[in-house]
């Protein structure tokens, strides 16, 4: 440790000794001079949304945290960070929050960079604004997750240039955060295109659908109904429809052709050194399962009541749950899933949606899948409209 501190001191002194050098390198990735074309704005937008498919966000930490905090899933693990999530005893030091919290703000920072940088791009608004609107959507998407989980959170809507000021920023009241989210989504709804080639690209329908969900969260029933109904009324224009086969919604080989997803996180064939890939399948998979080169890790497991209270004739249960698999070459039902011998193997039906059809890119345990995860689907818009209508009488 003393040697390490000495090295740091020497490095610091060497930098001070060269302080008379005046260099102002402006590289292609520098904020100054980078934003010159609409393509540059798109690059920053893509960077923003890429943070969402990181293992620290939807690839594992946040998605599994939300599962554990629901009544649908129980924990098969004794790791403190997961126990805290499952039992609602999370501390600021929680090992899952400490991963997805900064990753969320990295996504926000990239969106802010795109929005600010767009001001330097000298092209007509009709060309520039539809791309910039994706950044507004991304910022709203990230803050919506934060405010629902934490309430008052620091709200940053511009690139950080004063580090000292940023480290002392205070939390913004949740009501104000929601106002900003609505404002961003309204801008996005105005400028985003009606249809997109990939549901991983924000569209007008995505902005309107999230507005409906935000209003529902705020119990603004009429606004929620109006936004949801707008999507329903324009389903043909937006190229939306319910998926005839529920299994296709969780089939990496079929999901791209479905009209039900409205906005999705695209994991297709993406893997990077910083864990920017999907681990939902192994986290929810069965220990010792002969599928997917080693089965799963048996961490997030449905409570038994989810299975036993679900109508056995409902096709959705058959798609959503695994109650019989091959373990070590022996086909067993869920009452014998502990045949794997692992201490956390549960004799419960497991979540099947993520493990059955992970796509050709999947690695061992179905990591790094080809899934596109639907963040909001047409089915949810129908339910938002229905719930809001009930509340309105």
Protein backbone atom coordinates (compact mmCIF):
# COMPACT_ATOMS: atom_id res chain seq x y z
CA UNK A 1 0.00 0.00 0.00
CA UNK A 2 2.86 2.40 0.80
CA UNK A 3 4.43 1.67 -2.60
CA UNK A 4 1.07 2.29 -4.30
CA UNK A 5 0.68 5.67 -2.55
CA UNK A 6 4.22 6.61 -3.52
CA UNK A 7 3.52 5.79 -7.17
CA UNK A 8 0.42 7.97 -7.07
CA UNK A 9 2.45 10.82 -5.58
CA UNK A 10 5.11 10.49 -8.27
CA UNK A 11 2.50 10.47 -11.00
CA UNK A 12 0.93 13.58 -9.49
CA UNK A 13 4.27 15.37 -9.32
CA UNK A 14 5.08 14.45 -12.91
CA UNK A 15 1.79 15.91 -14.06
CA UNK A 16 2.47 19.09 -12.12
CA UNK A 17 5.91 19.27 -13.68
CA UNK A 18 4.38 19.26 -17.17
CA UNK A 19 1.74 21.85 -16.39
CA UNK A 20 3.35 24.38 -18.71
CA UNK A 21 2.37 22.29 -21.74
CA UNK A 22 -0.73 23.65 -23.41
CA UNK A 23 -2.54 20.99 -25.36
CA UNK A 24 -6.18 21.04 -26.33
CA UNK A 25 -6.83 17.78 -28.16
CA UNK A 26 -10.36 17.52 -29.53
CA UNK A 27 -10.89 13.93 -30.63
CA UNK A 28 -13.85 12.49 -32.45
CA UNK A 29 -15.36 11.28 -29.15
CA UNK A 30 -14.88 14.57 -27.35
CA UNK A 31 -18.10 16.44 -26.61
CA UNK A 32 -16.60 19.56 -28.15
CA UNK A 33 -16.71 19.17 -31.89
CA UNK A 34 -18.32 15.73 -31.92
CA UNK A 35 -21.91 16.77 -32.68
CA UNK A 36 -21.86 17.88 -36.28
CA UNK A 37 -24.40 15.63 -38.00
CA UNK A 38 -27.68 13.86 -37.17
CA UNK A 39 -25.68 10.61 -37.20
CA UNK A 40 -23.63 11.94 -34.28
CA UNK A 41 -26.83 12.52 -32.30
CA UNK A 42 -27.93 8.97 -33.10
CA UNK A 43 -24.62 7.63 -31.84
CA UNK A 44 -25.16 9.29 -28.46
CA UNK A 45 -28.76 8.02 -28.33
CA UNK A 46 -27.60 4.48 -29.08
CA UNK A 47 -25.04 4.83 -26.32
CA UNK A 48 -27.76 5.86 -23.90
CA UNK A 49 -30.01 2.89 -24.62
CA UNK A 50 -27.05 0.49 -24.60
CA UNK A 51 -26.68 1.10 -20.87
CA UNK A 52 -30.11 -0.50 -20.40
CA UNK A 53 -28.97 -3.85 -21.80
CA UNK A 54 -26.04 -4.03 -19.44
CA UNK A 55 -25.92 -6.81 -16.85
CA UNK A 56 -26.03 -4.07 -14.24
CA UNK A 57 -29.41 -2.84 -15.50
CA UNK A 58 -31.91 -5.07 -17.30
CA UNK A 59 -29.44 -7.87 -17.95
CA UNK A 60 -29.61 -8.91 -14.31
CA UNK A 61 -29.32 -6.49 -11.41
CA UNK A 62 -32.46 -4.36 -11.85
CA UNK A 63 -34.65 -6.98 -13.54
CA UNK A 64 -33.98 -9.57 -10.83
CA UNK A 65 -34.36 -6.97 -8.07
CA UNK A 66 -37.85 -6.16 -9.35
CA UNK A 67 -38.73 -9.85 -9.51
CA UNK A 68 -37.63 -10.40 -5.92
CA UNK A 69 -39.66 -7.42 -4.72
CA UNK A 70 -42.83 -8.85 -6.24
CA UNK A 71 -45.16 -11.46 -4.78
CA UNK A 72 -44.56 -13.71 -7.77
CA UNK A 73 -40.98 -14.73 -7.06
CA UNK A 74 -39.16 -16.14 -4.05
CA UNK A 75 -35.43 -16.19 -3.40
CA UNK A 76 -33.25 -19.29 -3.54
CA UNK A 77 -30.02 -17.73 -2.29
CA UNK A 78 -28.45 -16.49 0.93
CA UNK A 79 -26.49 -13.60 -0.57
CA UNK A 80 -27.15 -10.46 1.47
CA UNK A 81 -27.86 -8.15 -1.46
CA UNK A 82 -30.59 -10.50 -2.72
CA UNK A 83 -32.03 -11.21 0.71
CA UNK A 84 -32.40 -7.47 1.31
CA UNK A 85 -34.28 -7.09 -1.97
CA UNK A 86 -36.54 -10.04 -1.25
CA UNK A 87 -37.35 -8.87 2.30
CA UNK A 88 -37.57 -5.11 1.63
CA UNK A 89 -34.66 -4.36 3.95
CA UNK A 90 -32.33 -2.78 1.40
CA UNK A 91 -29.63 -0.44 2.62
CA UNK A 92 -27.81 2.24 0.64
CA UNK A 93 -24.89 -0.18 0.41
CA UNK A 94 -26.98 -2.90 -1.24
CA UNK A 95 -24.89 -4.68 -3.85
CA UNK A 96 -27.63 -4.62 -6.47
CA UNK A 97 -28.54 -0.95 -6.07
CA UNK A 98 -24.87 0.01 -6.20
CA UNK A 99 -24.76 -1.58 -9.65
CA UNK A 100 -27.93 -0.39 -11.37
CA UNK A 101 -28.08 3.09 -9.78
CA UNK A 102 -24.88 4.41 -11.46
CA UNK A 103 -25.66 2.53 -14.68
CA UNK A 104 -29.03 4.29 -14.86
CA UNK A 105 -27.37 7.68 -14.50
CA UNK A 106 -24.85 6.74 -17.19
CA UNK A 107 -27.78 6.18 -19.53
CA UNK A 108 -29.24 9.54 -18.48
CA UNK A 109 -25.88 11.26 -19.01
CA UNK A 110 -25.65 9.92 -22.56
CA UNK A 111 -29.20 11.09 -23.27
CA UNK A 112 -28.35 14.53 -21.89
CA UNK A 113 -25.27 14.65 -24.11
CA UNK A 114 -27.39 13.86 -27.16
CA UNK A 115 -29.97 16.53 -26.31
CA UNK A 116 -27.34 19.20 -25.64
CA UNK A 117 -25.19 18.18 -28.60
CA UNK A 118 -28.16 18.37 -30.96
CA UNK A 119 -28.15 22.14 -30.49
CA UNK A 120 -24.81 22.26 -32.34
CA UNK A 121 -26.11 20.32 -35.34
CA UNK A 122 -27.15 22.80 -38.01
CA UNK A 123 -29.87 20.97 -39.94
CA UNK A 124 -33.60 21.41 -40.26
CA UNK A 125 -35.69 20.46 -37.23
CA UNK A 126 -37.65 17.97 -39.29
CA UNK A 127 -34.42 15.97 -39.67
CA UNK A 128 -32.83 16.55 -36.28
CA UNK A 129 -35.73 16.47 -33.83
CA UNK A 130 -36.97 12.91 -34.51
CA UNK A 131 -33.53 11.65 -33.51
CA UNK A 132 -33.23 13.96 -30.52
CA UNK A 133 -36.69 12.79 -29.44
CA UNK A 134 -35.21 9.32 -28.88
CA UNK A 135 -32.91 10.86 -26.28
CA UNK A 136 -35.85 12.54 -24.54
CA UNK A 137 -37.60 9.17 -24.49
CA UNK A 138 -34.52 7.42 -23.09
CA UNK A 139 -34.14 10.00 -20.32
CA UNK A 140 -37.80 9.61 -19.37
CA UNK A 141 -37.46 5.82 -19.44
CA UNK A 142 -34.54 5.84 -16.99
CA UNK A 143 -36.04 8.40 -14.62
CA UNK A 144 -39.35 6.55 -14.56
CA UNK A 145 -37.54 3.50 -13.19
CA UNK A 146 -35.69 5.60 -10.62
CA UNK A 147 -38.64 7.61 -9.31
CA UNK A 148 -40.85 4.55 -8.89
CA UNK A 149 -38.16 2.78 -6.91
CA UNK A 150 -36.74 5.62 -4.83
CA UNK A 151 -39.16 8.56 -4.89
CA UNK A 152 -37.11 11.76 -4.64
CA UNK A 153 -33.94 11.37 -6.73
CA UNK A 154 -31.29 13.75 -8.10
CA UNK A 155 -32.61 15.08 -11.39
CA UNK A 156 -29.92 15.99 -13.91
CA UNK A 157 -31.05 17.26 -17.30
CA UNK A 158 -27.81 18.58 -18.80
CA UNK A 159 -24.22 17.37 -19.24
CA UNK A 160 -22.21 17.73 -16.04
CA UNK A 161 -19.44 20.29 -16.45
CA UNK A 162 -18.87 21.23 -12.80
CA UNK A 163 -17.81 18.07 -10.97
CA UNK A 164 -17.78 19.68 -7.52
CA UNK A 165 -21.33 20.95 -7.98
CA UNK A 166 -22.48 17.55 -9.22
CA UNK A 167 -21.16 15.74 -6.16
CA UNK A 168 -23.29 17.91 -3.87
CA UNK A 169 -26.51 17.82 -5.88
CA UNK A 170 -29.66 17.35 -3.80
CA UNK A 171 -32.66 15.16 -4.49
CA UNK A 172 -35.54 16.50 -6.56
CA UNK A 173 -39.09 15.95 -5.25
CA UNK A 174 -40.76 13.00 -6.95
CA UNK A 175 -43.64 15.17 -8.16
CA UNK A 176 -41.19 17.36 -10.07
CA UNK A 177 -39.40 14.35 -11.50
CA UNK A 178 -42.72 13.07 -12.81
CA UNK A 179 -43.45 16.46 -14.38
CA UNK A 180 -40.13 16.29 -16.21
CA UNK A 181 -40.79 12.73 -17.34
CA UNK A 182 -44.16 13.77 -18.77
CA UNK A 183 -42.56 16.76 -20.51
CA UNK A 184 -39.88 14.54 -22.09
CA UNK A 185 -42.46 12.01 -23.26
CA UNK A 186 -44.66 14.75 -24.72
CA UNK A 187 -41.70 16.02 -26.73
CA UNK A 188 -40.91 12.47 -27.81
CA UNK A 189 -44.52 11.83 -28.80
CA UNK A 190 -44.50 14.97 -30.97
CA UNK A 191 -41.37 14.11 -32.94
CA UNK A 192 -40.91 10.34 -32.91
CA UNK A 193 -41.92 8.42 -36.06
CA UNK A 194 -45.19 6.54 -36.33
CA UNK A 195 -43.50 3.27 -37.26
CA UNK A 196 -39.96 1.96 -36.76
CA UNK A 197 -38.00 -0.91 -38.29
CA UNK A 198 -37.11 -2.27 -34.85
CA UNK A 199 -39.14 -2.06 -31.65
CA UNK A 200 -35.85 -1.29 -29.88
CA UNK A 201 -36.12 2.16 -31.49
CA UNK A 202 -38.50 4.50 -29.63
CA UNK A 203 -41.65 5.35 -31.58
CA UNK A 204 -44.64 7.63 -31.18
CA UNK A 205 -46.61 4.67 -29.84
CA UNK A 206 -43.89 3.98 -27.26
CA UNK A 207 -43.98 7.56 -25.98
CA UNK A 208 -47.79 7.57 -25.79
CA UNK A 209 -47.85 4.16 -24.07
CA UNK A 210 -45.37 5.27 -21.43
CA UNK A 211 -47.36 8.47 -20.92
CA UNK A 212 -50.39 6.28 -20.23
CA UNK A 213 -48.39 4.22 -17.73
CA UNK A 214 -47.00 7.32 -16.01
CA UNK A 215 -50.47 8.80 -15.67
CA UNK A 216 -51.79 5.50 -14.33
CA UNK A 217 -48.98 5.48 -11.74
CA UNK A 218 -49.99 9.01 -10.71
CA UNK A 219 -53.67 7.97 -10.57
CA UNK A 220 -54.56 10.52 -13.21
CA UNK A 221 -57.19 8.17 -14.59
CA UNK A 222 -58.58 10.32 -17.40
CA UNK A 223 -55.15 11.14 -18.79
CA UNK A 224 -54.14 7.49 -18.55
CA UNK A 225 -57.29 6.41 -20.37
CA UNK A 226 -56.91 9.05 -23.07
CA UNK A 227 -53.29 8.12 -23.83
CA UNK A 228 -53.98 4.40 -23.84
CA UNK A 229 -57.06 4.86 -26.01
CA UNK A 230 -55.05 6.92 -28.48
CA UNK A 231 -52.68 3.99 -28.95
CA UNK A 232 -55.60 1.57 -29.28
CA UNK A 233 -57.40 3.77 -31.80
CA UNK A 234 -54.23 4.02 -33.90
CA UNK A 235 -53.08 0.41 -33.52
CA UNK A 236 -53.28 -0.11 -37.27
CA UNK A 237 -51.26 3.01 -38.00
CA UNK A 238 -48.69 2.06 -35.37
CA UNK A 239 -48.60 -1.54 -36.67
CA UNK A 240 -49.60 -3.01 -33.30
CA UNK A 241 -51.61 -6.11 -32.48
CA UNK A 242 -51.84 -8.85 -29.88
CA UNK A 243 -49.52 -11.80 -30.55
CA UNK A 244 -51.62 -14.87 -31.47
CA UNK A 245 -49.10 -17.25 -29.87
CA UNK A 246 -48.12 -16.23 -26.33
CA UNK A 247 -44.96 -18.35 -26.54
CA UNK A 248 -43.62 -16.20 -29.37
CA UNK A 249 -43.32 -13.26 -26.98
CA UNK A 250 -40.52 -15.17 -25.23
CA UNK A 251 -38.97 -16.88 -28.24
CA UNK A 252 -35.80 -15.13 -29.40
CA UNK A 253 -36.27 -16.61 -32.86
CA UNK A 254 -39.85 -15.32 -33.24
CA UNK A 255 -40.14 -12.09 -31.24
CA UNK A 256 -38.80 -9.80 -33.96
CA UNK A 257 -41.78 -10.64 -36.17
CA UNK A 258 -44.37 -10.01 -33.46
CA UNK A 259 -46.54 -6.88 -33.57
CA UNK A 260 -47.23 -6.87 -29.82
CA UNK A 261 -44.01 -5.31 -28.40
CA UNK A 262 -44.13 -1.52 -28.43
CA UNK A 263 -40.69 -0.82 -26.96
CA UNK A 264 -38.05 -3.46 -26.36
CA UNK A 265 -34.45 -3.79 -25.23
CA UNK A 266 -32.58 -5.52 -28.01
CA UNK A 267 -30.08 -8.17 -26.87
CA UNK A 268 -29.64 -9.66 -30.32
CA UNK A 269 -26.09 -10.96 -30.60
CA UNK A 270 -24.59 -8.37 -28.27
CA UNK A 271 -21.82 -9.16 -25.83
CA UNK A 272 -19.07 -6.96 -24.41
CA UNK A 273 -16.31 -7.01 -21.84
CA UNK A 274 -18.29 -4.95 -19.32
CA UNK A 275 -21.09 -7.55 -18.96
CA UNK A 276 -23.37 -5.79 -21.43
CA UNK A 277 -25.45 -8.90 -21.93
CA UNK A 278 -28.38 -10.87 -20.59
CA UNK A 279 -28.27 -13.15 -17.54
CA UNK A 280 -31.99 -13.38 -16.78
CA UNK A 281 -32.27 -16.94 -18.08
CA UNK A 282 -29.58 -18.43 -15.82
CA UNK A 283 -30.82 -16.46 -12.81
CA UNK A 284 -34.29 -17.99 -13.22
CA UNK A 285 -33.25 -21.39 -14.59
CA UNK A 286 -33.32 -24.82 -12.94
CA UNK A 287 -30.17 -26.24 -11.37
CA UNK A 288 -28.90 -29.23 -13.32
CA UNK A 289 -31.30 -28.72 -16.24
CA UNK A 290 -29.91 -30.52 -19.28
CA UNK A 291 -30.85 -27.57 -21.49
CA UNK A 292 -28.65 -24.59 -22.22
CA UNK A 293 -25.31 -26.22 -21.42
CA UNK A 294 -25.64 -26.50 -17.67
CA UNK A 295 -29.10 -25.30 -16.79
CA UNK A 296 -29.63 -22.33 -14.51
CA UNK A 297 -28.51 -20.95 -11.18
CA UNK A 298 -31.80 -21.27 -9.28
CA UNK A 299 -31.94 -17.77 -7.78
CA UNK A 300 -35.34 -16.24 -8.63
CA UNK A 301 -37.99 -18.97 -8.32
CA UNK A 302 -41.77 -18.56 -8.50
CA UNK A 303 -43.71 -19.05 -5.28
CA UNK A 304 -45.63 -22.31 -5.47
CA UNK A 305 -48.98 -20.49 -5.21
CA UNK A 306 -48.31 -18.79 -8.55
CA UNK A 307 -48.48 -22.23 -10.14
CA UNK A 308 -51.16 -23.91 -8.04
CA UNK A 309 -53.64 -21.02 -8.30
CA UNK A 310 -53.16 -20.64 -12.06
CA UNK A 311 -55.75 -22.47 -14.16
CA UNK A 312 -54.02 -25.55 -15.53
CA UNK A 313 -55.93 -25.13 -18.80
CA UNK A 314 -54.46 -21.66 -19.36
CA UNK A 315 -51.87 -21.85 -22.13
CA UNK A 316 -50.00 -18.94 -20.56
CA UNK A 317 -49.13 -21.10 -17.54
CA UNK A 318 -47.65 -23.76 -19.81
CA UNK A 319 -45.54 -21.09 -21.51
CA UNK A 320 -44.50 -19.30 -18.33
CA UNK A 321 -43.67 -22.23 -16.05
CA UNK A 322 -41.45 -25.31 -16.21
CA UNK A 323 -42.94 -28.15 -14.18
CA UNK A 324 -41.07 -31.02 -15.85
CA UNK A 325 -37.50 -31.12 -17.21
CA UNK A 326 -34.61 -33.48 -17.76
CA UNK A 327 -31.94 -33.28 -15.04
CA UNK A 328 -28.85 -35.43 -15.50
CA UNK A 329 -30.62 -37.43 -18.17
CA UNK A 330 -33.66 -38.18 -16.01
CA UNK A 331 -37.01 -36.54 -16.70
CA UNK A 332 -38.58 -35.42 -13.42
CA UNK A 333 -41.49 -33.25 -12.37
CA UNK A 334 -41.11 -30.21 -10.12
CA UNK A 335 -41.48 -32.25 -6.91
CA UNK A 336 -38.06 -33.77 -7.69
CA UNK A 337 -36.12 -30.78 -9.00
CA UNK A 338 -33.73 -31.07 -6.06
CA UNK A 339 -32.33 -34.19 -7.74
CA UNK A 340 -29.52 -31.90 -8.89
CA UNK A 341 -28.21 -31.99 -5.32
CA UNK A 342 -27.59 -28.24 -5.14
CA UNK A 343 -28.45 -26.60 -1.81
CA UNK A 344 -30.62 -23.95 -3.46
CA UNK A 345 -32.49 -26.23 -5.86
CA UNK A 346 -36.21 -25.82 -5.22
CA UNK A 347 -38.99 -28.35 -5.68
CA UNK A 348 -41.07 -25.71 -7.37
CA UNK A 349 -42.09 -24.99 -10.94
CA UNK A 350 -39.57 -22.54 -12.39
CA UNK A 351 -39.84 -19.58 -14.74
CA UNK A 352 -39.65 -20.98 -18.26
CA UNK A 353 -40.08 -17.86 -20.37
CA UNK A 354 -36.40 -16.99 -20.62
CA UNK A 355 -34.83 -20.45 -20.84
CA UNK A 356 -36.75 -22.31 -23.55
CA UNK A 357 -35.88 -20.32 -26.66
CA UNK A 358 -32.82 -18.12 -25.90
CA UNK A 359 -31.75 -17.98 -29.53
CA UNK A 360 -28.57 -19.02 -31.39
CA UNK A 361 -26.34 -16.47 -29.65
CA UNK A 362 -26.93 -17.93 -26.18
CA UNK A 363 -23.86 -19.08 -24.28
CA UNK A 364 -23.64 -21.61 -21.42
CA UNK A 365 -26.59 -21.37 -19.00
CA UNK A 366 -28.36 -19.30 -21.71
CA UNK A 367 -26.28 -16.23 -20.96
CA UNK A 368 -25.89 -13.51 -23.60
CA UNK A 369 -29.12 -14.47 -25.31
CA UNK A 370 -30.68 -13.14 -28.49
CA UNK A 371 -33.81 -12.03 -26.63
CA UNK A 372 -35.57 -8.75 -27.20
CA UNK A 373 -37.15 -7.96 -23.84
CA UNK A 374 -40.46 -6.14 -24.14
CA UNK A 375 -40.50 -3.17 -21.81
CA UNK A 376 -44.09 -2.39 -22.76
CA UNK A 377 -46.46 -4.39 -24.96
CA UNK A 378 -49.79 -3.71 -26.63
CA UNK A 379 -51.43 -6.03 -24.08
CA UNK A 380 -50.35 -3.70 -21.28
CA UNK A 381 -51.86 -0.69 -23.05
CA UNK A 382 -55.18 -2.54 -23.22
CA UNK A 383 -54.96 -3.26 -19.50
CA UNK A 384 -54.07 0.37 -18.71
CA UNK A 385 -57.16 1.52 -20.60
CA UNK A 386 -59.31 -1.06 -18.80
CA UNK A 387 -58.03 -0.14 -15.33
CA UNK A 388 -58.38 3.58 -15.95
CA UNK A 389 -61.92 3.04 -17.29
CA UNK A 390 -62.88 1.14 -14.15
CA UNK A 391 -61.52 3.93 -11.96
CA UNK A 392 -63.51 6.44 -14.00
CA UNK A 393 -66.65 4.42 -13.43
